[in-house]
Amino acid sequence: MVPALFFCVLSAAAPEPAAPAPPPAPSVPVAPHRQVYRMQLTGGVLLVFGAVTMVGMGAAIGYGRGVERERREALEAGVAPGQLAELQRRETRADAAAIAAGLVGVALVGTGVALFIVAKQRQRRAVTLGPGPGLFGFSLQARFERFAGAQARSSSG
């Protein structure tokens, strides 16, 4: 009787084995077509902002030309040096604004074009899952191109 009681006391004091930890949630990768769409959308937005910035550059150049013409006319009319200095400052600000807008515009347009090019390359190498002949009516297709002139090859599995 003592050994049975001893066994019950020992088994009650023993900790229960811990339940296995739940498996980590699998990371959901972004589908290639969504990634390409996002890149194209971002590229388009950057192109639009770049174009608007370039229009701003043109406006700053036009304003600077107008101030320059006004300054020349004031110089011929013999206006006070204080007014000439003010016209010179306005012309310098317009030139600086045109240069800054041009640099920002070129950067935005360049980035937008680069995103379109990269998106097109990723679209060529996209792997898609769609309806078709295969296991349970689905097939996995992968298209790869080595260079721009290569024909697309498709494999089904």
N, C-alpha and C. Protein backbone atom coordinates (compact mmCIF):
# COMPACT_ATOMS: atom_id res chain seq x y z
N MET A 1 0.81 -1.17 0.00
CA MET A 1 0.00 0.00 0.00
C MET A 1 0.87 1.26 0.00
N VAL A 2 1.92 1.25 0.64
CA VAL A 2 2.80 2.41 0.70
C VAL A 2 3.38 2.72 -0.69
N PRO A 3 3.82 1.72 -1.42
CA PRO A 3 4.37 2.07 -2.73
C PRO A 3 3.31 2.70 -3.63
N ALA A 4 2.06 2.29 -3.56
CA ALA A 4 1.03 2.88 -4.41
C ALA A 4 0.78 4.34 -3.99
N LEU A 5 0.77 4.57 -2.68
CA LEU A 5 0.57 5.92 -2.20
C LEU A 5 1.76 6.80 -2.58
N PHE A 6 2.95 6.27 -2.48
CA PHE A 6 4.16 7.00 -2.85
C PHE A 6 4.13 7.36 -4.34
N PHE A 7 3.67 6.42 -5.16
CA PHE A 7 3.58 6.65 -6.60
C PHE A 7 2.56 7.74 -6.92
N CYS A 8 1.44 7.77 -6.22
CA CYS A 8 0.42 8.79 -6.44
C CYS A 8 0.93 10.17 -6.05
N VAL A 9 1.67 10.26 -4.95
CA VAL A 9 2.21 11.54 -4.51
C VAL A 9 3.24 12.04 -5.51
N LEU A 10 4.08 11.17 -6.00
CA LEU A 10 5.10 11.58 -6.97
C LEU A 10 4.48 11.99 -8.30
N SER A 11 3.50 11.27 -8.76
CA SER A 11 2.89 11.61 -10.04
C SER A 11 2.09 12.90 -9.95
N ALA A 12 1.51 13.21 -8.78
CA ALA A 12 0.75 14.44 -8.64
C ALA A 12 1.70 15.65 -8.60
N ALA A 13 2.90 15.48 -8.07
CA ALA A 13 3.84 16.58 -7.96
C ALA A 13 4.58 16.82 -9.27
N ALA A 14 4.63 15.84 -10.12
CA ALA A 14 5.37 16.00 -11.38
C ALA A 14 4.62 16.98 -12.30
N PRO A 15 5.32 17.94 -12.88
CA PRO A 15 4.64 18.89 -13.77
C PRO A 15 4.23 18.22 -15.06
N GLU A 16 3.14 18.69 -15.59
CA GLU A 16 2.65 18.15 -16.85
C GLU A 16 3.54 18.68 -17.97
N PRO A 17 3.76 17.89 -18.97
CA PRO A 17 4.60 18.40 -20.07
C PRO A 17 3.88 19.58 -20.75
N ALA A 18 4.66 20.55 -21.11
CA ALA A 18 4.10 21.75 -21.73
C ALA A 18 3.55 21.41 -23.10
N ALA A 19 2.44 22.05 -23.42
CA ALA A 19 1.85 21.84 -24.75
C ALA A 19 2.79 22.43 -25.79
N PRO A 20 2.87 21.81 -26.93
CA PRO A 20 3.78 22.34 -27.95
C PRO A 20 3.33 23.74 -28.37
N ALA A 21 4.31 24.58 -28.62
CA ALA A 21 4.01 25.97 -29.02
C ALA A 21 3.32 25.95 -30.38
N PRO A 22 2.36 26.83 -30.56
CA PRO A 22 1.70 26.87 -31.86
C PRO A 22 2.70 27.27 -32.94
N PRO A 23 2.56 26.72 -34.11
CA PRO A 23 3.50 27.06 -35.16
C PRO A 23 3.37 28.53 -35.54
N PRO A 24 4.48 29.16 -35.92
CA PRO A 24 4.39 30.59 -36.27
C PRO A 24 3.53 30.78 -37.51
N ALA A 25 2.86 31.90 -37.53
CA ALA A 25 1.99 32.20 -38.67
C ALA A 25 2.84 32.34 -39.92
N PRO A 26 2.45 31.68 -40.99
CA PRO A 26 3.26 31.79 -42.21
C PRO A 26 3.18 33.20 -42.77
N SER A 27 4.32 33.67 -43.26
CA SER A 27 4.32 35.00 -43.86
C SER A 27 3.67 34.90 -45.24
N VAL A 28 2.83 35.83 -45.52
CA VAL A 28 2.11 35.81 -46.78
C VAL A 28 2.89 36.66 -47.78
N PRO A 29 3.51 36.05 -48.77
CA PRO A 29 4.25 36.84 -49.74
C PRO A 29 3.29 37.60 -50.66
N VAL A 30 3.75 38.74 -51.11
CA VAL A 30 2.94 39.55 -52.03
C VAL A 30 3.00 38.88 -53.39
N ALA A 31 1.85 38.68 -53.99
CA ALA A 31 1.80 38.06 -55.31
C ALA A 31 2.57 38.92 -56.30
N PRO A 32 3.28 38.29 -57.25
CA PRO A 32 4.08 39.07 -58.20
C PRO A 32 3.26 40.08 -58.99
N HIS A 33 2.03 39.73 -59.36
CA HIS A 33 1.24 40.67 -60.15
C HIS A 33 0.85 41.89 -59.32
N ARG A 34 0.64 41.72 -58.01
CA ARG A 34 0.32 42.87 -57.15
C ARG A 34 1.55 43.75 -56.98
N GLN A 35 2.71 43.11 -56.85
CA GLN A 35 3.95 43.86 -56.69
C GLN A 35 4.23 44.68 -57.96
N VAL A 36 4.00 44.07 -59.11
CA VAL A 36 4.20 44.77 -60.37
C VAL A 36 3.20 45.92 -60.48
N TYR A 37 1.96 45.68 -60.10
CA TYR A 37 0.93 46.73 -60.14
C TYR A 37 1.33 47.90 -59.25
N ARG A 38 1.80 47.61 -58.05
CA ARG A 38 2.19 48.66 -57.12
C ARG A 38 3.37 49.47 -57.67
N MET A 39 4.31 48.78 -58.28
CA MET A 39 5.45 49.48 -58.86
C MET A 39 5.02 50.37 -60.02
N GLN A 40 4.11 49.87 -60.85
CA GLN A 40 3.63 50.68 -61.96
C GLN A 40 2.83 51.87 -61.45
N LEU A 41 2.02 51.67 -60.43
CA LEU A 41 1.24 52.77 -59.86
C LEU A 41 2.15 53.83 -59.27
N THR A 42 3.15 53.41 -58.51
CA THR A 42 4.09 54.35 -57.92
C THR A 42 4.87 55.08 -59.00
N GLY A 43 5.28 54.36 -60.04
CA GLY A 43 5.98 54.99 -61.15
C GLY A 43 5.13 56.03 -61.85
N GLY A 44 3.85 55.72 -62.03
CA GLY A 44 2.94 56.68 -62.66
C GLY A 44 2.75 57.93 -61.82
N VAL A 45 2.61 57.74 -60.52
CA VAL A 45 2.44 58.89 -59.63
C VAL A 45 3.70 59.76 -59.65
N LEU A 46 4.87 59.12 -59.64
CA LEU A 46 6.11 59.90 -59.68
C LEU A 46 6.27 60.63 -61.01
N LEU A 47 5.84 60.00 -62.09
CA LEU A 47 5.89 60.68 -63.39
C LEU A 47 4.99 61.92 -63.41
N VAL A 48 3.81 61.79 -62.85
CA VAL A 48 2.89 62.94 -62.81
C VAL A 48 3.48 64.06 -61.95
N PHE A 49 3.99 63.72 -60.76
CA PHE A 49 4.60 64.74 -59.92
C PHE A 49 5.81 65.37 -60.59
N GLY A 50 6.59 64.56 -61.29
CA GLY A 50 7.74 65.09 -62.01
C GLY A 50 7.33 66.05 -63.11
N ALA A 51 6.26 65.70 -63.83
CA ALA A 51 5.78 66.58 -64.90
C ALA A 51 5.26 67.90 -64.32
N VAL A 52 4.55 67.82 -63.21
CA VAL A 52 4.04 69.05 -62.57
C VAL A 52 5.21 69.91 -62.10
N THR A 53 6.24 69.28 -61.58
CA THR A 53 7.42 70.02 -61.13
C THR A 53 8.12 70.68 -62.30
N MET A 54 8.16 69.98 -63.44
CA MET A 54 8.77 70.57 -64.64
C MET A 54 7.96 71.77 -65.13
N VAL A 55 6.65 71.71 -65.00
CA VAL A 55 5.82 72.87 -65.36
C VAL A 55 6.15 74.03 -64.41
N GLY A 56 6.35 73.72 -63.14
CA GLY A 56 6.76 74.76 -62.18
C GLY A 56 8.10 75.36 -62.55
N MET A 57 9.02 74.51 -63.06
CA MET A 57 10.31 75.03 -63.51
C MET A 57 10.11 76.01 -64.67
N GLY A 58 9.25 75.64 -65.60
CA GLY A 58 8.97 76.54 -66.72
C GLY A 58 8.38 77.85 -66.26
N ALA A 59 7.49 77.79 -65.29
CA ALA A 59 6.89 79.01 -64.76
C ALA A 59 7.94 79.89 -64.09
N ALA A 60 8.86 79.28 -63.35
CA ALA A 60 9.92 80.05 -62.69
C ALA A 60 10.86 80.67 -63.73
N ILE A 61 11.13 79.96 -64.80
CA ILE A 61 11.97 80.53 -65.87
C ILE A 61 11.26 81.72 -66.51
N GLY A 62 9.97 81.55 -66.79
CA GLY A 62 9.21 82.67 -67.37
C GLY A 62 9.16 83.87 -66.46
N TYR A 63 8.95 83.64 -65.18
CA TYR A 63 8.93 84.74 -64.22
C TYR A 63 10.29 85.44 -64.17
N GLY A 64 11.35 84.64 -64.17
CA GLY A 64 12.71 85.20 -64.14
C GLY A 64 13.00 86.05 -65.37
N ARG A 65 12.53 85.60 -66.54
CA ARG A 65 12.72 86.40 -67.77
C ARG A 65 11.96 87.72 -67.66
N GLY A 66 10.76 87.69 -67.13
CA GLY A 66 9.98 88.91 -66.97
C GLY A 66 10.66 89.89 -66.03
N VAL A 67 11.21 89.39 -64.92
CA VAL A 67 11.90 90.25 -63.96
C VAL A 67 13.18 90.80 -64.61
N GLU A 68 13.85 89.98 -65.40
CA GLU A 68 15.06 90.44 -66.07
C GLU A 68 14.73 91.57 -67.05
N ARG A 69 13.66 91.44 -67.80
CA ARG A 69 13.23 92.47 -68.74
C ARG A 69 12.87 93.75 -67.97
N GLU A 70 12.16 93.57 -66.86
CA GLU A 70 11.77 94.71 -66.04
C GLU A 70 13.00 95.42 -65.48
N ARG A 71 14.01 94.66 -65.08
CA ARG A 71 15.24 95.25 -64.54
C ARG A 71 15.99 96.03 -65.61
N ARG A 72 16.05 95.47 -66.84
CA ARG A 72 16.72 96.19 -67.93
C ARG A 72 16.01 97.51 -68.23
N GLU A 73 14.68 97.47 -68.25
CA GLU A 73 13.91 98.70 -68.51
C GLU A 73 14.12 99.72 -67.39
N ALA A 74 14.20 99.23 -66.15
CA ALA A 74 14.43 100.13 -65.02
C ALA A 74 15.83 100.73 -65.08
N LEU A 75 16.79 99.94 -65.54
CA LEU A 75 18.16 100.43 -65.66
C LEU A 75 18.25 101.52 -66.72
N GLU A 76 17.55 101.33 -67.84
CA GLU A 76 17.54 102.34 -68.91
C GLU A 76 16.81 103.60 -68.46
N ALA A 77 15.79 103.46 -67.62
CA ALA A 77 15.02 104.61 -67.15
C ALA A 77 15.72 105.36 -66.02
N GLY A 78 16.80 104.79 -65.47
CA GLY A 78 17.55 105.45 -64.40
C GLY A 78 16.86 105.37 -63.05
N VAL A 79 16.37 104.20 -62.69
CA VAL A 79 15.68 104.00 -61.41
C VAL A 79 16.72 103.96 -60.29
N ALA A 80 16.31 104.22 -59.07
CA ALA A 80 17.18 104.23 -57.90
C ALA A 80 17.87 102.87 -57.72
N PRO A 81 19.09 102.87 -57.20
CA PRO A 81 19.83 101.62 -57.01
C PRO A 81 19.12 100.63 -56.08
N GLY A 82 18.35 101.08 -55.12
CA GLY A 82 17.63 100.19 -54.21
C GLY A 82 16.60 99.35 -54.95
N GLN A 83 15.91 99.96 -55.89
CA GLN A 83 14.92 99.21 -56.69
C GLN A 83 15.61 98.22 -57.63
N LEU A 84 16.77 98.62 -58.17
CA LEU A 84 17.53 97.71 -59.04
C LEU A 84 18.01 96.48 -58.25
N ALA A 85 18.45 96.72 -57.01
CA ALA A 85 18.90 95.61 -56.17
C ALA A 85 17.74 94.67 -55.87
N GLU A 86 16.55 95.23 -55.62
CA GLU A 86 15.37 94.39 -55.37
C GLU A 86 15.02 93.56 -56.59
N LEU A 87 15.07 94.16 -57.76
CA LEU A 87 14.80 93.40 -59.00
C LEU A 87 15.84 92.31 -59.22
N GLN A 88 17.09 92.61 -58.88
CA GLN A 88 18.15 91.60 -59.01
C GLN A 88 17.91 90.42 -58.06
N ARG A 89 17.47 90.71 -56.83
CA ARG A 89 17.18 89.64 -55.87
C ARG A 89 16.02 88.77 -56.36
N ARG A 90 14.97 89.40 -56.90
CA ARG A 90 13.84 88.63 -57.43
C ARG A 90 14.27 87.75 -58.60
N GLU A 91 15.14 88.27 -59.45
CA GLU A 91 15.63 87.48 -60.58
C GLU A 91 16.47 86.29 -60.10
N THR A 92 17.30 86.53 -59.11
CA THR A 92 18.14 85.45 -58.56
C THR A 92 17.28 84.38 -57.91
N ARG A 93 16.24 84.78 -57.17
CA ARG A 93 15.33 83.80 -56.55
C ARG A 93 14.59 82.98 -57.61
N ALA A 94 14.16 83.63 -58.67
CA ALA A 94 13.46 82.91 -59.74
C ALA A 94 14.39 81.91 -60.40
N ASP A 95 15.65 82.29 -60.62
CA ASP A 95 16.61 81.36 -61.22
C ASP A 95 16.87 80.17 -60.29
N ALA A 96 17.01 80.44 -58.99
CA ALA A 96 17.24 79.35 -58.03
C ALA A 96 16.03 78.42 -57.97
N ALA A 97 14.83 78.99 -58.01
CA ALA A 97 13.61 78.15 -57.99
C ALA A 97 13.53 77.30 -59.25
N ALA A 98 13.90 77.85 -60.40
CA ALA A 98 13.87 77.08 -61.65
C ALA A 98 14.87 75.94 -61.60
N ILE A 99 16.05 76.19 -61.08
CA ILE A 99 17.07 75.13 -60.99
C ILE A 99 16.61 74.03 -60.03
N ALA A 100 16.10 74.42 -58.86
CA ALA A 100 15.65 73.42 -57.88
C ALA A 100 14.49 72.60 -58.43
N ALA A 101 13.53 73.27 -59.06
CA ALA A 101 12.39 72.54 -59.63
C ALA A 101 12.84 71.60 -60.74
N GLY A 102 13.79 72.05 -61.54
CA GLY A 102 14.31 71.19 -62.60
C GLY A 102 14.99 69.95 -62.06
N LEU A 103 15.81 70.11 -61.02
CA LEU A 103 16.50 68.95 -60.43
C LEU A 103 15.51 67.96 -59.81
N VAL A 104 14.55 68.49 -59.06
CA VAL A 104 13.56 67.62 -58.42
C VAL A 104 12.71 66.93 -59.49
N GLY A 105 12.32 67.68 -60.52
CA GLY A 105 11.51 67.10 -61.60
C GLY A 105 12.23 65.99 -62.33
N VAL A 106 13.51 66.20 -62.64
CA VAL A 106 14.28 65.17 -63.32
C VAL A 106 14.43 63.94 -62.43
N ALA A 107 14.66 64.14 -61.14
CA ALA A 107 14.77 63.00 -60.21
C ALA A 107 13.47 62.21 -60.14
N LEU A 108 12.34 62.91 -60.06
CA LEU A 108 11.05 62.22 -59.99
C LEU A 108 10.75 61.46 -61.29
N VAL A 109 10.97 62.11 -62.41
CA VAL A 109 10.71 61.44 -63.70
C VAL A 109 11.64 60.25 -63.87
N GLY A 110 12.91 60.42 -63.53
CA GLY A 110 13.87 59.30 -63.65
C GLY A 110 13.49 58.12 -62.78
N THR A 111 13.05 58.40 -61.55
CA THR A 111 12.64 57.33 -60.66
C THR A 111 11.38 56.64 -61.17
N GLY A 112 10.44 57.42 -61.69
CA GLY A 112 9.22 56.84 -62.25
C GLY A 112 9.51 55.93 -63.44
N VAL A 113 10.38 56.37 -64.33
CA VAL A 113 10.74 55.55 -65.49
C VAL A 113 11.46 54.28 -65.04
N ALA A 114 12.36 54.41 -64.06
CA ALA A 114 13.08 53.23 -63.55
C ALA A 114 12.10 52.22 -62.95
N LEU A 115 11.09 52.70 -62.21
CA LEU A 115 10.10 51.78 -61.64
C LEU A 115 9.31 51.07 -62.73
N PHE A 116 8.96 51.78 -63.80
CA PHE A 116 8.26 51.14 -64.91
C PHE A 116 9.12 50.05 -65.55
N ILE A 117 10.41 50.32 -65.74
CA ILE A 117 11.31 49.34 -66.36
C ILE A 117 11.45 48.11 -65.48
N VAL A 118 11.66 48.32 -64.17
CA VAL A 118 11.81 47.18 -63.26
C VAL A 118 10.51 46.38 -63.18
N ALA A 119 9.37 47.07 -63.17
CA ALA A 119 8.08 46.37 -63.12
C ALA A 119 7.89 45.52 -64.37
N LYS A 120 8.29 46.03 -65.51
CA LYS A 120 8.16 45.27 -66.76
C LYS A 120 9.05 44.02 -66.72
N GLN A 121 10.24 44.15 -66.17
CA GLN A 121 11.14 43.00 -66.06
C GLN A 121 10.57 41.96 -65.09
N ARG A 122 10.02 42.41 -63.99
CA ARG A 122 9.42 41.46 -63.03
C ARG A 122 8.17 40.81 -63.60
N GLN A 123 7.45 41.54 -64.41
CA GLN A 123 6.24 40.99 -65.02
C GLN A 123 6.61 39.86 -65.98
N ARG A 124 7.73 39.98 -66.65
CA ARG A 124 8.18 38.93 -67.57
C ARG A 124 8.57 37.66 -66.83
N ARG A 125 9.09 37.84 -65.61
CA ARG A 125 9.54 36.68 -64.84
C ARG A 125 8.52 36.23 -63.81
N ALA A 126 7.30 36.63 -63.96
CA ALA A 126 6.27 36.34 -62.96
C ALA A 126 5.89 34.87 -62.96
N VAL A 127 5.57 34.36 -61.79
CA VAL A 127 5.05 33.01 -61.63
C VAL A 127 3.59 33.18 -61.24
N THR A 128 2.71 32.53 -61.97
CA THR A 128 1.29 32.69 -61.68
C THR A 128 0.63 31.35 -61.46
N LEU A 129 -0.42 31.35 -60.68
CA LEU A 129 -1.24 30.18 -60.43
C LEU A 129 -2.62 30.52 -60.96
N GLY A 130 -3.11 29.70 -61.86
CA GLY A 130 -4.40 30.01 -62.44
C GLY A 130 -5.11 28.77 -62.92
N PRO A 131 -6.35 28.91 -63.35
CA PRO A 131 -7.10 27.75 -63.82
C PRO A 131 -6.50 27.21 -65.12
N GLY A 132 -6.54 25.92 -65.24
CA GLY A 132 -6.00 25.29 -66.45
C GLY A 132 -5.79 23.81 -66.21
N PRO A 133 -5.21 23.13 -67.17
CA PRO A 133 -4.97 21.71 -66.99
C PRO A 133 -3.90 21.49 -65.93
N GLY A 134 -4.15 20.61 -65.05
CA GLY A 134 -3.20 20.33 -63.98
C GLY A 134 -3.91 19.67 -62.82
N LEU A 135 -3.24 19.60 -61.70
CA LEU A 135 -3.79 18.98 -60.51
C LEU A 135 -4.96 19.80 -59.99
N PHE A 136 -6.11 19.21 -59.86
CA PHE A 136 -7.33 19.84 -59.37
C PHE A 136 -7.75 21.05 -60.22
N GLY A 137 -7.40 21.05 -61.47
CA GLY A 137 -7.82 22.12 -62.36
C GLY A 137 -6.99 23.39 -62.26
N PHE A 138 -5.83 23.33 -61.61
CA PHE A 138 -4.95 24.50 -61.52
C PHE A 138 -3.60 24.16 -62.10
N SER A 139 -2.93 25.16 -62.60
CA SER A 139 -1.59 24.95 -63.12
C SER A 139 -0.69 26.09 -62.65
N LEU A 140 0.57 25.82 -62.57
CA LEU A 140 1.57 26.81 -62.17
C LEU A 140 2.37 27.14 -63.41
N GLN A 141 2.42 28.42 -63.76
CA GLN A 141 3.15 28.83 -64.94
C GLN A 141 4.27 29.77 -64.54
N ALA A 142 5.41 29.60 -65.19
CA ALA A 142 6.54 30.49 -64.97
C ALA A 142 7.04 30.94 -66.33
N ARG A 143 7.26 32.23 -66.46
CA ARG A 143 7.78 32.76 -67.71
C ARG A 143 9.08 33.48 -67.41
N PHE A 144 10.09 33.16 -68.20
CA PHE A 144 11.41 33.76 -68.02
C PHE A 144 11.91 34.27 -69.36
N GLU A 145 12.62 35.37 -69.33
CA GLU A 145 13.28 35.87 -70.53
C GLU A 145 14.70 36.24 -70.16
N ARG A 146 15.63 35.80 -71.00
CA ARG A 146 17.03 36.11 -70.73
C ARG A 146 17.36 37.54 -71.09
N PHE A 147 16.86 38.02 -72.20
CA PHE A 147 17.09 39.39 -72.62
C PHE A 147 15.86 39.85 -73.38
N ALA A 148 15.83 41.12 -73.69
CA ALA A 148 14.61 41.72 -74.25
C ALA A 148 14.17 41.07 -75.56
N GLY A 149 15.09 40.56 -76.38
CA GLY A 149 14.72 39.99 -77.66
C GLY A 149 14.32 38.53 -77.59
N ALA A 150 14.45 37.90 -76.43
CA ALA A 150 14.14 36.48 -76.31
C ALA A 150 12.64 36.26 -76.32
N GLN A 151 12.23 35.11 -76.84
CA GLN A 151 10.81 34.77 -76.81
C GLN A 151 10.49 34.16 -75.45
N ALA A 152 9.29 34.44 -75.01
CA ALA A 152 8.85 33.92 -73.70
C ALA A 152 8.65 32.42 -73.77
N ARG A 153 9.18 31.73 -72.77
CA ARG A 153 8.97 30.30 -72.67
C ARG A 153 8.07 30.03 -71.48
N SER A 154 7.18 29.11 -71.66
CA SER A 154 6.21 28.82 -70.62
C SER A 154 6.30 27.34 -70.28
N SER A 155 6.25 27.02 -68.98
CA SER A 155 6.23 25.62 -68.57
C SER A 155 5.05 25.41 -67.63
N SER A 156 4.37 24.32 -67.82
CA SER A 156 3.21 24.01 -66.97
C SER A 156 3.56 22.83 -66.11
N GLY A 157 2.96 22.79 -64.93
CA GLY A 157 3.27 21.67 -64.04
C GLY A 157 2.15 21.39 -63.11
